Amino acid sequence: MKVFLVEDAPLLRQRLAALIESIGAITVGHAEGAQEAIRGIRAASPDAVVLDLHLKEGNGFDVLRALGKCSDIAFYVLTNHPAEGYRASAERLGARGFYDKSSEFDKLRAVLAAGAR
């Protein structure tokens, strides 16, 4: 399974990469901003994307608007802003999962592991 990370915090990006690798999946790229992510995702053709909402440039909704509904890629939002309105918007734009960074890393890991099987 190939996973692309869209996260602007380097330390968290490293933690996510380790989490992904622990399930036997591979990280095929990362981006810190929306346009960089859109280009990278198109080039890498990942099976899944782990996507933060607040980025250095643009936001995760920009990525979902561009790619979320028109692809077979599974988009999973991982954010510090788990408000219900954000969840509803992300799901409407094609996100298959929406997780809180402060408490749901294990849930995201389980979903990615199931996809890697």
Protein backbone atom coordinates (compact mmCIF):
# COMPACT_ATOMS: atom_id res chain seq x y z
CA MET A 1 0.00 0.00 0.00
CA LYS A 2 1.33 3.43 -0.94
CA VAL A 3 0.50 6.40 1.32
CA PHE A 4 1.09 10.11 0.69
CA LEU A 5 1.36 12.44 3.72
CA VAL A 6 0.13 16.02 3.68
CA GLU A 7 1.36 17.54 6.94
CA ASP A 8 3.29 20.78 7.49
CA ALA A 9 4.79 19.91 10.91
CA PRO A 10 8.06 17.98 10.34
CA LEU A 11 8.00 16.12 13.67
CA LEU A 12 4.44 14.94 13.18
CA ARG A 13 5.20 13.97 9.58
CA GLN A 14 8.04 11.76 10.87
CA ARG A 15 5.72 10.19 13.44
CA LEU A 16 3.11 9.49 10.77
CA ALA A 17 5.70 7.97 8.43
CA ALA A 18 6.82 5.64 11.24
CA LEU A 19 3.20 4.70 11.94
CA ILE A 20 2.60 3.89 8.27
CA GLU A 21 5.79 1.88 7.96
CA SER A 22 4.89 -0.11 11.10
CA ILE A 23 1.93 -1.64 9.27
CA GLY A 24 3.96 -2.64 6.25
CA ALA A 25 2.76 0.24 4.09
CA ILE A 26 5.17 2.64 2.46
CA THR A 27 5.25 6.41 2.32
CA VAL A 28 5.53 7.57 -1.28
CA GLY A 29 5.71 11.27 -0.69
CA HIS A 30 4.80 14.21 1.44
CA ALA A 31 3.81 17.82 1.08
CA GLU A 32 3.45 20.83 3.35
CA GLY A 33 1.01 22.85 1.23
CA ALA A 34 -2.09 22.28 -0.88
CA GLN A 35 -0.71 22.85 -4.38
CA GLU A 36 2.43 20.84 -3.63
CA ALA A 37 0.17 18.05 -2.33
CA ILE A 38 -2.05 18.05 -5.40
CA ARG A 39 0.97 17.78 -7.71
CA GLY A 40 2.63 15.12 -5.54
CA ILE A 41 -0.49 12.99 -5.20
CA ARG A 42 -1.09 13.07 -8.94
CA ALA A 43 2.52 12.06 -9.60
CA ALA A 44 2.73 9.32 -6.93
CA SER A 45 -0.70 7.72 -7.49
CA PRO A 46 -0.98 6.57 -3.85
CA ASP A 47 -3.62 4.22 -2.50
CA ALA A 48 -4.26 6.53 0.45
CA VAL A 49 -3.58 10.08 1.59
CA VAL A 50 -3.28 11.22 5.21
CA LEU A 51 -4.28 14.86 5.08
CA ASP A 52 -4.07 17.68 7.61
CA LEU A 53 -6.55 20.54 7.22
CA HIS A 54 -4.30 23.45 8.17
CA LEU A 55 -1.25 23.67 5.93
CA LYS A 56 1.59 26.12 5.25
CA GLU A 57 -0.10 27.14 2.01
CA GLY A 58 -3.78 26.56 1.38
CA ASN A 59 -5.60 23.88 3.31
CA GLY A 60 -6.72 20.27 3.18
CA PHE A 61 -10.09 21.27 1.77
CA ASP A 62 -8.29 22.61 -1.32
CA VAL A 63 -6.74 19.17 -1.81
CA LEU A 64 -10.07 17.41 -1.33
CA ARG A 65 -11.81 19.78 -3.76
CA ALA A 66 -9.19 19.04 -6.39
CA LEU A 67 -8.89 15.27 -5.92
CA GLY A 68 -11.28 13.87 -3.32
CA LYS A 69 -14.30 12.87 -5.36
CA CYS A 70 -12.71 12.14 -8.70
CA SER A 71 -10.30 9.39 -7.76
CA ASP A 72 -9.97 5.96 -6.23
CA ILE A 73 -7.57 7.30 -3.61
CA ALA A 74 -8.71 6.94 0.01
CA PHE A 75 -8.38 10.30 1.77
CA TYR A 76 -8.13 10.31 5.58
CA VAL A 77 -8.15 13.64 7.39
CA LEU A 78 -6.05 13.85 10.57
CA THR A 79 -6.48 17.21 12.27
CA ASN A 80 -6.22 19.21 15.49
CA HIS A 81 -9.57 20.75 14.55
CA PRO A 82 -12.12 17.93 14.82
CA ALA A 83 -15.21 20.17 14.73
CA GLU A 84 -18.32 18.51 13.34
CA GLY A 85 -18.61 21.16 10.60
CA TYR A 86 -15.11 20.35 9.38
CA ARG A 87 -15.93 16.63 9.46
CA ALA A 88 -19.10 17.13 7.40
CA SER A 89 -17.28 19.28 4.84
CA ALA A 90 -14.41 16.83 4.50
CA GLU A 91 -16.76 13.88 4.03
CA ARG A 92 -18.82 15.81 1.48
CA LEU A 93 -15.61 16.47 -0.46
CA GLY A 94 -14.65 12.79 -0.50
CA ALA A 95 -12.78 12.01 2.75
CA ARG A 96 -13.34 8.42 3.86
CA GLY A 97 -12.28 9.08 7.44
CA PHE A 98 -11.79 12.01 9.80
CA TYR A 99 -9.54 11.67 12.87
CA ASP A 100 -8.49 13.84 15.79
CA LYS A 101 -4.69 14.17 16.12
CA SER A 102 -4.91 14.36 19.88
CA SER A 103 -6.61 11.00 20.40
CA GLU A 104 -7.20 8.94 17.26
CA PHE A 105 -3.82 7.86 15.87
CA ASP A 106 -4.69 4.24 16.71
CA LYS A 107 -7.95 4.45 14.76
CA LEU A 108 -6.15 5.84 11.73
CA ARG A 109 -3.51 3.12 12.02
CA ALA A 110 -6.21 0.43 12.11
CA VAL A 111 -7.91 1.81 9.00
CA LEU A 112 -4.61 2.01 7.10
CA ALA A 113 -3.66 -1.51 8.22
CA ALA A 114 -6.98 -2.86 6.95
CA GLY A 115 -6.35 -1.18 3.60
CA ALA A 116 -2.85 -2.65 3.41
CA ARG A 117 -4.17 -6.23 3.64
